């Protein structure tokens, strides 16, 4: 794992706090493509495939060790085989430090 660059961390923090690529781009004053590029490059650098895994790899959240039957990496009490959206890391957004 290679550490993310400062710019990648700024983009990721903005994405986590804003909740969308569009809002993160607006907050940072850059294009959506720039935010997306920083996130994609950061995920590759730290060896993850998405925002929730990135937040865990950076130590911002802790993921349970088991994968639910639906593929969700947290605990899932929904009916087996459902296709609903879990909301990703935004459900725990209040736990991400803003410093």
PDB file of N, CA and C in Angstrom:
ATOM      1  N   UNK A   1       0.845  -1.187   0.000  1.00  0.00           N
ATOM      2  CA  UNK A   1       0.000   0.000   0.000  1.00  0.00           C
ATOM      3  C   UNK A   1       0.888   1.247   0.000  1.00  0.00           C
ATOM      4  N   UNK A   2       0.617   2.131  -0.909  1.00  0.00           N
ATOM      5  CA  UNK A   2       1.307   3.412  -0.974  1.00  0.00           C
ATOM      6  C   UNK A   2       0.389   4.470  -0.381  1.00  0.00           C
ATOM      7  N   UNK A   3       0.946   5.381   0.375  1.00  0.00           N
ATOM      8  CA  UNK A   3       0.130   6.442   0.974  1.00  0.00           C
ATOM      9  C   UNK A   3      -0.483   7.330  -0.102  1.00  0.00           C
ATOM     10  N   UNK A   4      -1.728   7.765   0.123  1.00  0.00           N
ATOM     11  CA  UNK A   4      -2.343   8.699  -0.827  1.00  0.00           C
ATOM     12  C   UNK A   4      -1.648  10.055  -0.770  1.00  0.00           C
ATOM     13  N   UNK A   5      -1.739  10.787  -1.867  1.00  0.00           N
ATOM     14  CA  UNK A   5      -1.164  12.133  -1.892  1.00  0.00           C
ATOM     15  C   UNK A   5      -2.057  13.078  -1.097  1.00  0.00           C
ATOM     16  N   UNK A   6      -1.523  14.221  -0.678  1.00  0.00           N
ATOM     17  CA  UNK A   6      -2.362  15.197   0.025  1.00  0.00           C
ATOM     18  C   UNK A   6      -3.588  15.621  -0.791  1.00  0.00           C
ATOM     19  N   UNK A   7      -3.417  15.805  -2.094  1.00  0.00           N
ATOM     20  CA  UNK A   7      -4.549  16.202  -2.950  1.00  0.00           C
ATOM     21  C   UNK A   7      -5.619  15.111  -2.987  1.00  0.00           C
ATOM     22  N   UNK A   8      -5.197  13.861  -3.024  1.00  0.00           N
ATOM     23  CA  UNK A   8      -6.152  12.753  -3.021  1.00  0.00           C
ATOM     24  C   UNK A   8      -6.923  12.706  -1.712  1.00  0.00           C
ATOM     25  N   UNK A   9      -6.231  12.941  -0.603  1.00  0.00           N
ATOM     26  CA  UNK A   9      -6.912  12.953   0.697  1.00  0.00           C
ATOM     27  C   UNK A   9      -7.905  14.105   0.806  1.00  0.00           C
ATOM     28  N   UNK A  10      -7.542  15.269   0.280  1.00  0.00           N
ATOM     29  CA  UNK A  10      -8.455  16.414   0.294  1.00  0.00           C
ATOM     30  C   UNK A  10      -9.701  16.079  -0.519  1.00  0.00           C
ATOM     31  N   UNK A  11      -9.521  15.493  -1.696  1.00  0.00           N
ATOM     32  CA  UNK A  11     -10.660  15.120  -2.547  1.00  0.00           C
ATOM     33  C   UNK A  11     -11.529  14.065  -1.865  1.00  0.00           C
ATOM     34  N   UNK A  12     -10.890  13.079  -1.236  1.00  0.00           N
ATOM     35  CA  UNK A  12     -11.649  12.018  -0.574  1.00  0.00           C
ATOM     36  C   UNK A  12     -12.428  12.547   0.619  1.00  0.00           C
ATOM     37  N   UNK A  13     -11.782  13.386   1.422  1.00  0.00           N
ATOM     38  CA  UNK A  13     -12.473  13.966   2.581  1.00  0.00           C
ATOM     39  C   UNK A  13     -13.673  14.797   2.115  1.00  0.00           C
ATOM     40  N   UNK A  14     -13.486  15.577   1.067  1.00  0.00           N
ATOM     41  CA  UNK A  14     -14.589  16.386   0.532  1.00  0.00           C
ATOM     42  C   UNK A  14     -15.712  15.489   0.033  1.00  0.00           C
ATOM     43  N   UNK A  15     -15.365  14.397  -0.616  1.00  0.00           N
ATOM     44  CA  UNK A  15     -16.361  13.456  -1.120  1.00  0.00           C
ATOM     45  C   UNK A  15     -17.145  12.824   0.037  1.00  0.00           C
ATOM     46  N   UNK A  16     -16.441  12.399   1.062  1.00  0.00           N
ATOM     47  CA  UNK A  16     -17.095  11.785   2.222  1.00  0.00           C
ATOM     48  C   UNK A  16     -18.026  12.792   2.904  1.00  0.00           C
ATOM     49  N   UNK A  17     -17.548  14.011   3.096  1.00  0.00           N
ATOM     50  CA  UNK A  17     -18.350  15.017   3.794  1.00  0.00           C
ATOM     51  C   UNK A  17     -19.506  15.536   2.945  1.00  0.00           C
ATOM     52  N   UNK A  18     -19.285  15.685   1.644  1.00  0.00           N
ATOM     53  CA  UNK A  18     -20.321  16.228   0.770  1.00  0.00           C
ATOM     54  C   UNK A  18     -21.355  15.174   0.384  1.00  0.00           C
ATOM     55  N   UNK A  19     -20.929  13.933   0.260  1.00  0.00           N
ATOM     56  CA  UNK A  19     -21.860  12.859  -0.065  1.00  0.00           C
ATOM     57  C   UNK A  19     -22.031  12.577  -1.544  1.00  0.00           C
ATOM     58  N   UNK A  20     -21.414  13.368  -2.411  1.00  0.00           N
ATOM     59  CA  UNK A  20     -21.493  13.097  -3.848  1.00  0.00           C
ATOM     60  C   UNK A  20     -20.294  13.726  -4.541  1.00  0.00           C
ATOM     61  N   UNK A  21     -19.979  13.193  -5.720  1.00  0.00           N
ATOM     62  CA  UNK A  21     -18.881  13.754  -6.507  1.00  0.00           C
ATOM     63  C   UNK A  21     -19.181  15.201  -6.887  1.00  0.00           C
ATOM     64  N   UNK A  22     -20.418  15.445  -7.278  1.00  0.00           N
ATOM     65  CA  UNK A  22     -20.810  16.795  -7.715  1.00  0.00           C
ATOM     66  C   UNK A  22     -20.637  17.814  -6.580  1.00  0.00           C
ATOM     67  N   UNK A  23     -21.111  17.476  -5.392  1.00  0.00           N
ATOM     68  CA  UNK A  23     -20.987  18.390  -4.253  1.00  0.00           C
ATOM     69  C   UNK A  23     -19.537  18.566  -3.829  1.00  0.00           C
ATOM     70  N   UNK A  24     -18.759  17.486  -3.864  1.00  0.00           N
ATOM     71  CA  UNK A  24     -17.340  17.589  -3.521  1.00  0.00           C
ATOM     72  C   UNK A  24     -16.622  18.508  -4.499  1.00  0.00           C
ATOM     73  N   UNK A  25     -16.930  18.370  -5.777  1.00  0.00           N
ATOM     74  CA  UNK A  25     -16.319  19.232  -6.797  1.00  0.00           C
ATOM     75  C   UNK A  25     -16.692  20.687  -6.562  1.00  0.00           C
ATOM     76  N   UNK A  26     -17.943  20.929  -6.209  1.00  0.00           N
ATOM     77  CA  UNK A  26     -18.403  22.292  -5.945  1.00  0.00           C
ATOM     78  C   UNK A  26     -17.652  22.892  -4.747  1.00  0.00           C
ATOM     79  N   UNK A  27     -17.545  22.119  -3.676  1.00  0.00           N
ATOM     80  CA  UNK A  27     -16.852  22.588  -2.471  1.00  0.00           C
ATOM     81  C   UNK A  27     -15.386  22.903  -2.766  1.00  0.00           C
ATOM     82  N   UNK A  28     -14.753  22.059  -3.564  1.00  0.00           N
ATOM     83  CA  UNK A  28     -13.330  22.225  -3.865  1.00  0.00           C
ATOM     84  C   UNK A  28     -13.066  23.209  -5.005  1.00  0.00           C
ATOM     85  N   UNK A  29     -14.117  23.536  -5.750  1.00  0.00           N
ATOM     86  CA  UNK A  29     -13.947  24.445  -6.877  1.00  0.00           C
ATOM     87  C   UNK A  29     -13.235  23.816  -8.057  1.00  0.00           C
ATOM     88  N   UNK A  30     -13.446  22.524  -8.253  1.00  0.00           N
ATOM     89  CA  UNK A  30     -12.840  21.789  -9.365  1.00  0.00           C
ATOM     90  C   UNK A  30     -13.937  21.042 -10.118  1.00  0.00           C
ATOM     91  N   UNK A  31     -13.569  20.372 -11.195  1.00  0.00           N
ATOM     92  CA  UNK A  31     -14.554  19.614 -11.957  1.00  0.00           C
ATOM     93  C   UNK A  31     -14.846  18.273 -11.286  1.00  0.00           C
ATOM     94  N   UNK A  32     -15.988  17.707 -11.630  1.00  0.00           N
ATOM     95  CA  UNK A  32     -16.349  16.378 -11.133  1.00  0.00           C
ATOM     96  C   UNK A  32     -15.300  15.367 -11.593  1.00  0.00           C
ATOM     97  N   UNK A  33     -14.824  15.532 -12.820  1.00  0.00           N
ATOM     98  CA  UNK A  33     -13.798  14.640 -13.355  1.00  0.00           C
ATOM     99  C   UNK A  33     -12.514  14.665 -12.535  1.00  0.00           C
ATOM    100  N   UNK A  34     -12.149  15.845 -12.038  1.00  0.00           N
ATOM    101  CA  UNK A  34     -10.940  15.950 -11.203  1.00  0.00           C
ATOM    102  C   UNK A  34     -11.105  15.180  -9.900  1.00  0.00           C
ATOM    103  N   UNK A  35     -12.263  15.328  -9.267  1.00  0.00           N
ATOM    104  CA  UNK A  35     -12.521  14.591  -8.019  1.00  0.00           C
ATOM    105  C   UNK A  35     -12.506  13.095  -8.303  1.00  0.00           C
ATOM    106  N   UNK A  36     -13.186  12.682  -9.362  1.00  0.00           N
ATOM    107  CA  UNK A  36     -13.254  11.266  -9.710  1.00  0.00           C
ATOM    108  C   UNK A  36     -11.855  10.712  -9.994  1.00  0.00           C
ATOM    109  N   UNK A  37     -11.038  11.474 -10.706  1.00  0.00           N
ATOM    110  CA  UNK A  37      -9.670  11.034 -11.015  1.00  0.00           C
ATOM    111  C   UNK A  37      -8.845  10.866  -9.734  1.00  0.00           C
ATOM    112  N   UNK A  38      -8.928  11.840  -8.824  1.00  0.00           N
ATOM    113  CA  UNK A  38      -8.196  11.735  -7.557  1.00  0.00           C
ATOM    114  C   UNK A  38      -8.638  10.501  -6.775  1.00  0.00           C
ATOM    115  N   UNK A  39      -9.937  10.256  -6.728  1.00  0.00           N
ATOM    116  CA  UNK A  39     -10.432   9.100  -5.972  1.00  0.00           C
ATOM    117  C   UNK A  39      -9.991   7.796  -6.616  1.00  0.00           C
ATOM    118  N   UNK A  40     -10.114   7.693  -7.937  1.00  0.00           N
ATOM    119  CA  UNK A  40      -9.719   6.479  -8.646  1.00  0.00           C
ATOM    120  C   UNK A  40      -8.238   6.192  -8.438  1.00  0.00           C
ATOM    121  N   UNK A  41      -7.414   7.233  -8.546  1.00  0.00           N
ATOM    122  CA  UNK A  41      -5.972   7.051  -8.352  1.00  0.00           C
ATOM    123  C   UNK A  41      -5.652   6.689  -6.899  1.00  0.00           C
ATOM    124  N   UNK A  42      -6.379   7.286  -5.952  1.00  0.00           N
ATOM    125  CA  UNK A  42      -6.157   6.970  -4.548  1.00  0.00           C
ATOM    126  C   UNK A  42      -6.541   5.521  -4.260  1.00  0.00           C
ATOM    127  N   UNK A  43      -7.687   5.069  -4.780  1.00  0.00           N
ATOM    128  CA  UNK A  43      -8.111   3.687  -4.549  1.00  0.00           C
ATOM    129  C   UNK A  43      -7.047   2.717  -5.072  1.00  0.00           C
ATOM    130  N   UNK A  44      -6.490   3.005  -6.245  1.00  0.00           N
ATOM    131  CA  UNK A  44      -5.447   2.141  -6.814  1.00  0.00           C
ATOM    132  C   UNK A  44      -4.190   2.168  -5.937  1.00  0.00           C
ATOM    133  N   UNK A  45      -3.824   3.324  -5.448  1.00  0.00           N
ATOM    134  CA  UNK A  45      -2.625   3.462  -4.607  1.00  0.00           C
ATOM    135  C   UNK A  45      -2.721   2.656  -3.329  1.00  0.00           C
ATOM    136  N   UNK A  46      -3.903   2.679  -2.713  1.00  0.00           N
ATOM    137  CA  UNK A  46      -4.035   1.995  -1.419  1.00  0.00           C
ATOM    138  C   UNK A  46      -4.619   0.588  -1.552  1.00  0.00           C
ATOM    139  N   UNK A  47      -4.894   0.178  -2.802  1.00  0.00           N
ATOM    140  CA  UNK A  47      -5.320  -1.198  -3.052  1.00  0.00           C
ATOM    141  C   UNK A  47      -6.737  -1.525  -2.650  1.00  0.00           C
ATOM    142  N   UNK A  48      -7.656  -0.597  -2.888  1.00  0.00           N
ATOM    143  CA  UNK A  48      -9.064  -0.838  -2.572  1.00  0.00           C
ATOM    144  C   UNK A  48      -9.909  -0.610  -3.827  1.00  0.00           C
ATOM    145  N   UNK A  49     -11.182  -0.989  -3.745  1.00  0.00           N
ATOM    146  CA  UNK A  49     -12.040  -0.843  -4.922  1.00  0.00           C
ATOM    147  C   UNK A  49     -13.145   0.190  -4.749  1.00  0.00           C
ATOM    148  N   UNK A  50     -13.224   0.828  -3.601  1.00  0.00           N
ATOM    149  CA  UNK A  50     -14.282   1.809  -3.412  1.00  0.00           C
ATOM    150  C   UNK A  50     -14.100   2.638  -2.158  1.00  0.00           C
ATOM    151  N   UNK A  51     -15.042   3.538  -1.964  1.00  0.00           N
ATOM    152  CA  UNK A  51     -14.953   4.510  -0.879  1.00  0.00           C
ATOM    153  C   UNK A  51     -15.020   3.876   0.506  1.00  0.00           C
ATOM    154  N   UNK A  52     -15.878   2.902   0.699  1.00  0.00           N
ATOM    155  CA  UNK A  52     -15.989   2.283   2.017  1.00  0.00           C
ATOM    156  C   UNK A  52     -14.696   1.576   2.388  1.00  0.00           C
ATOM    157  N   UNK A  53     -14.122   0.838   1.439  1.00  0.00           N
ATOM    158  CA  UNK A  53     -12.854   0.166   1.698  1.00  0.00           C
ATOM    159  C   UNK A  53     -11.745   1.184   1.937  1.00  0.00           C
ATOM    160  N   UNK A  54     -11.777   2.290   1.209  1.00  0.00           N
ATOM    161  CA  UNK A  54     -10.768   3.337   1.388  1.00  0.00           C
ATOM    162  C   UNK A  54     -10.869   3.940   2.783  1.00  0.00           C
ATOM    163  N   UNK A  55     -12.089   4.216   3.221  1.00  0.00           N
ATOM    164  CA  UNK A  55     -12.281   4.776   4.561  1.00  0.00           C
ATOM    165  C   UNK A  55     -11.745   3.822   5.622  1.00  0.00           C
ATOM    166  N   UNK A  56     -11.956   2.528   5.421  1.00  0.00           N
ATOM    167  CA  UNK A  56     -11.438   1.533   6.369  1.00  0.00           C
ATOM    168  C   UNK A  56      -9.916   1.458   6.296  1.00  0.00           C
ATOM    169  N   UNK A  57      -9.361   1.472   5.077  1.00  0.00           N
ATOM    170  CA  UNK A  57      -7.902   1.395   4.914  1.00  0.00           C
ATOM    171  C   UNK A  57      -7.205   2.597   5.541  1.00  0.00           C
ATOM    172  N   UNK A  58      -7.869   3.748   5.518  1.00  0.00           N
ATOM    173  CA  UNK A  58      -7.302   4.953   6.113  1.00  0.00           C
ATOM    174  C   UNK A  58      -7.533   5.025   7.621  1.00  0.00           C
ATOM    175  N   UNK A  59      -8.290   4.062   8.153  1.00  0.00           N
ATOM    176  CA  UNK A  59      -8.555   4.026   9.582  1.00  0.00           C
ATOM    177  C   UNK A  59      -9.690   4.935  10.014  1.00  0.00           C
ATOM    178  N   UNK A  60     -10.491   5.395   9.053  1.00  0.00           N
ATOM    179  CA  UNK A  60     -11.612   6.286   9.374  1.00  0.00           C
ATOM    180  C   UNK A  60     -12.811   5.515   9.892  1.00  0.00           C
ATOM    181  N   UNK A  61     -12.968   4.263   9.472  1.00  0.00           N
ATOM    182  CA  UNK A  61     -14.055   3.389   9.924  1.00  0.00           C
ATOM    183  C   UNK A  61     -13.493   1.992  10.078  1.00  0.00           C
ATOM    184  N   UNK A  62     -14.225   1.140  10.766  1.00  0.00           N
ATOM    185  CA  UNK A  62     -13.855  -0.260  10.917  1.00  0.00           C
ATOM    186  C   UNK A  62     -14.940  -1.117  10.308  1.00  0.00           C
ATOM    187  N   UNK A  63     -14.542  -1.999   9.419  1.00  0.00           N
ATOM    188  CA  UNK A  63     -15.497  -2.905   8.783  1.00  0.00           C
ATOM    189  C   UNK A  63     -15.521  -4.232   9.532  1.00  0.00           C
ATOM    190  N   UNK A  64     -16.703  -4.796   9.706  1.00  0.00           N
ATOM    191  CA  UNK A  64     -16.766  -6.144  10.279  1.00  0.00           C
ATOM    192  C   UNK A  64     -16.065  -7.125   9.338  1.00  0.00           C
ATOM    193  N   UNK A  65     -15.597  -8.235   9.854  1.00  0.00           N
ATOM    194  CA  UNK A  65     -14.864  -9.199   9.049  1.00  0.00           C
ATOM    195  C   UNK A  65     -15.702 -10.039   8.112  1.00  0.00           C
ATOM    196  N   UNK A  66     -16.991 -10.119   8.339  1.00  0.00           N
ATOM    197  CA  UNK A  66     -17.826 -10.986   7.520  1.00  0.00           C
ATOM    198  C   UNK A  66     -18.540 -10.214   6.435  1.00  0.00           C
ATOM    199  N   UNK A  67     -18.850 -10.915   5.359  1.00  0.00           N
ATOM    200  CA  UNK A  67     -19.622 -10.342   4.268  1.00  0.00           C
ATOM    201  C   UNK A  67     -21.031 -10.917   4.328  1.00  0.00           C
ATOM    202  N   UNK A  68     -22.027 -10.054   4.286  1.00  0.00           N
ATOM    203  CA  UNK A  68     -23.422 -10.507   4.308  1.00  0.00           C
ATOM    204  C   UNK A  68     -23.750 -11.228   3.001  1.00  0.00           C
ATOM    205  N   UNK A  69     -24.815 -12.049   2.984  1.00  0.00           N
ATOM    206  CA  UNK A  69     -25.183 -12.781   1.774  1.00  0.00           C
ATOM    207  C   UNK A  69     -25.417 -11.876   0.558  1.00  0.00           C
ATOM    208  N   UNK A  70     -25.822 -10.635   0.804  1.00  0.00           N
ATOM    209  CA  UNK A  70     -26.085  -9.722  -0.302  1.00  0.00           C
ATOM    210  C   UNK A  70     -24.799  -9.082  -0.825  1.00  0.00           C
ATOM    211  N   UNK A  71     -23.683  -9.333  -0.161  1.00  0.00           N
ATOM    212  CA  UNK A  71     -22.414  -8.757  -0.577  1.00  0.00           C
ATOM    213  C   UNK A  71     -22.001  -7.550   0.242  1.00  0.00           C
ATOM    214  N   UNK A  72     -22.878  -7.056   1.087  1.00  0.00           N
ATOM    215  CA  UNK A  72     -22.568  -5.916   1.947  1.00  0.00           C
ATOM    216  C   UNK A  72     -21.543  -6.339   2.972  1.00  0.00           C
ATOM    217  N   UNK A  73     -20.531  -5.512   3.206  1.00  0.00           N
ATOM    218  CA  UNK A  73     -19.450  -5.893   4.114  1.00  0.00           C
ATOM    219  C   UNK A  73     -19.783  -5.640   5.574  1.00  0.00           C
ATOM    220  N   UNK A  74     -20.929  -5.035   5.856  1.00  0.00           N
ATOM    221  CA  UNK A  74     -21.365  -4.857   7.226  1.00  0.00           C
ATOM    222  C   UNK A  74     -22.406  -5.900   7.564  1.00  0.00           C
ATOM    223  N   UNK A  75     -23.023  -5.808   8.720  1.00  0.00           N
ATOM    224  CA  UNK A  75     -24.082  -6.755   9.045  1.00  0.00           C
ATOM    225  C   UNK A  75     -25.362  -6.305   8.358  1.00  0.00           C
ATOM    226  N   UNK A  76     -26.075  -7.233   7.800  1.00  0.00           N
ATOM    227  CA  UNK A  76     -27.292  -6.922   7.044  1.00  0.00           C
ATOM    228  C   UNK A  76     -28.454  -7.729   7.598  1.00  0.00           C
ATOM    229  N   UNK A  77     -29.499  -7.029   8.015  1.00  0.00           N
ATOM    230  CA  UNK A  77     -30.668  -7.727   8.553  1.00  0.00           C
ATOM    231  C   UNK A  77     -31.801  -7.767   7.529  1.00  0.00           C
ATOM    232  N   UNK A  78     -31.527  -7.333   6.309  1.00  0.00           N
ATOM    233  CA  UNK A  78     -32.548  -7.353   5.265  1.00  0.00           C
ATOM    234  C   UNK A  78     -32.750  -8.784   4.770  1.00  0.00           C
ATOM    235  N   UNK A  79     -33.891  -9.035   4.086  1.00  0.00           N
ATOM    236  CA  UNK A  79     -34.147 -10.404   3.593  1.00  0.00           C
ATOM    237  C   UNK A  79     -33.026 -10.895   2.678  1.00  0.00           C
ATOM    238  N   UNK A  80     -32.724 -12.161   2.786  1.00  0.00           N
ATOM    239  CA  UNK A  80     -31.662 -12.769   1.981  1.00  0.00           C
ATOM    240  C   UNK A  80     -31.908 -12.540   0.486  1.00  0.00           C
ATOM    241  N   UNK A  81     -30.895 -12.149  -0.223  1.00  0.00           N
ATOM    242  CA  UNK A  81     -30.996 -11.967  -1.664  1.00  0.00           C
ATOM    243  C   UNK A  81     -31.546 -10.620  -2.108  1.00  0.00           C
ATOM    244  N   UNK A  82     -31.780  -9.703  -1.172  1.00  0.00           N
ATOM    245  CA  UNK A  82     -32.311  -8.402  -1.568  1.00  0.00           C
ATOM    246  C   UNK A  82     -31.315  -7.677  -2.460  1.00  0.00           C
ATOM    247  N   UNK A  83     -31.777  -6.690  -3.211  1.00  0.00           N
ATOM    248  CA  UNK A  83     -30.906  -5.931  -4.099  1.00  0.00           C
ATOM    249  C   UNK A  83     -30.906  -4.454  -3.740  1.00  0.00           C
ATOM    250  N   UNK A  84     -31.340  -4.135  -2.548  1.00  0.00           N
ATOM    251  CA  UNK A  84     -31.415  -2.741  -2.116  1.00  0.00           C
ATOM    252  C   UNK A  84     -30.053  -2.126  -1.891  1.00  0.00           C
ATOM    253  N   UNK A  85     -30.018  -0.819  -1.835  1.00  0.00           N
ATOM    254  CA  UNK A  85     -28.781  -0.081  -1.619  1.00  0.00           C
ATOM    255  C   UNK A  85     -28.604   0.162  -0.119  1.00  0.00           C
ATOM    256  N   UNK A  86     -27.420  -0.053   0.381  1.00  0.00           N
ATOM    257  CA  UNK A  86     -27.152   0.113   1.802  1.00  0.00           C
ATOM    258  C   UNK A  86     -26.761   1.529   2.186  1.00  0.00           C
ATOM    259  N   UNK A  87     -26.459   2.372   1.231  1.00  0.00           N
ATOM    260  CA  UNK A  87     -26.069   3.734   1.545  1.00  0.00           C
ATOM    261  C   UNK A  87     -24.578   3.914   1.736  1.00  0.00           C
ATOM    262  N   UNK A  88     -23.824   2.845   1.592  1.00  0.00           N
ATOM    263  CA  UNK A  88     -22.372   2.928   1.666  1.00  0.00           C
ATOM    264  C   UNK A  88     -21.862   3.546   2.949  1.00  0.00           C
ATOM    265  N   UNK A  89     -20.768   4.269   2.856  1.00  0.00           N
ATOM    266  CA  UNK A  89     -20.137   4.843   4.036  1.00  0.00           C
ATOM    267  C   UNK A  89     -20.854   6.075   4.535  1.00  0.00           C
ATOM    268  N   UNK A  90     -21.790   6.621   3.788  1.00  0.00           N
ATOM    269  CA  UNK A  90     -22.466   7.848   4.208  1.00  0.00           C
ATOM    270  C   UNK A  90     -23.290   7.644   5.474  1.00  0.00           C
ATOM    271  N   UNK A  91     -23.653   6.403   5.759  1.00  0.00           N
ATOM    272  CA  UNK A  91     -24.413   6.125   6.981  1.00  0.00           C
ATOM    273  C   UNK A  91     -23.578   6.390   8.232  1.00  0.00           C
ATOM    274  N   UNK A  92     -22.267   6.342   8.094  1.00  0.00           N
ATOM    275  CA  UNK A  92     -21.394   6.564   9.245  1.00  0.00           C
ATOM    276  C   UNK A  92     -20.616   7.866   9.099  1.00  0.00           C
ATOM    277  N   UNK A  93     -21.098   8.745   8.267  1.00  0.00           N
ATOM    278  CA  UNK A  93     -20.375   9.977   7.955  1.00  0.00           C
ATOM    279  C   UNK A  93     -20.069  10.815   9.195  1.00  0.00           C
ATOM    280  N   UNK A  94     -20.922  10.769  10.196  1.00  0.00           N
ATOM    281  CA  UNK A  94     -20.688  11.541  11.408  1.00  0.00           C
ATOM    282  C   UNK A  94     -19.472  11.085  12.179  1.00  0.00           C
ATOM    283  N   UNK A  95     -18.985   9.870  11.896  1.00  0.00           N
ATOM    284  CA  UNK A  95     -17.827   9.355  12.607  1.00  0.00           C
ATOM    285  C   UNK A  95     -16.501   9.773  11.968  1.00  0.00           C
ATOM    286  N   UNK A  96     -16.566  10.381  10.784  1.00  0.00           N
ATOM    287  CA  UNK A  96     -15.353  10.799  10.098  1.00  0.00           C
ATOM    288  C   UNK A  96     -14.920  12.148  10.648  1.00  0.00           C
ATOM    289  N   UNK A  97     -13.702  12.214  11.123  1.00  0.00           N
ATOM    290  CA  UNK A  97     -13.196  13.471  11.677  1.00  0.00           C
ATOM    291  C   UNK A  97     -13.033  14.509  10.580  1.00  0.00           C
ATOM    292  N   UNK A  98     -13.256  15.749  10.923  1.00  0.00           N
ATOM    293  CA  UNK A  98     -13.124  16.812   9.942  1.00  0.00           C
ATOM    294  C   UNK A  98     -11.776  17.514  10.029  1.00  0.00           C
ATOM    295  N   UNK A  99     -10.958  17.138  10.964  1.00  0.00           N
ATOM    296  CA  UNK A  99      -9.648  17.786  11.128  1.00  0.00           C
ATOM    297  C   UNK A  99      -8.671  17.375  10.066  1.00  0.00           C
TER     298      UNK A  99
END
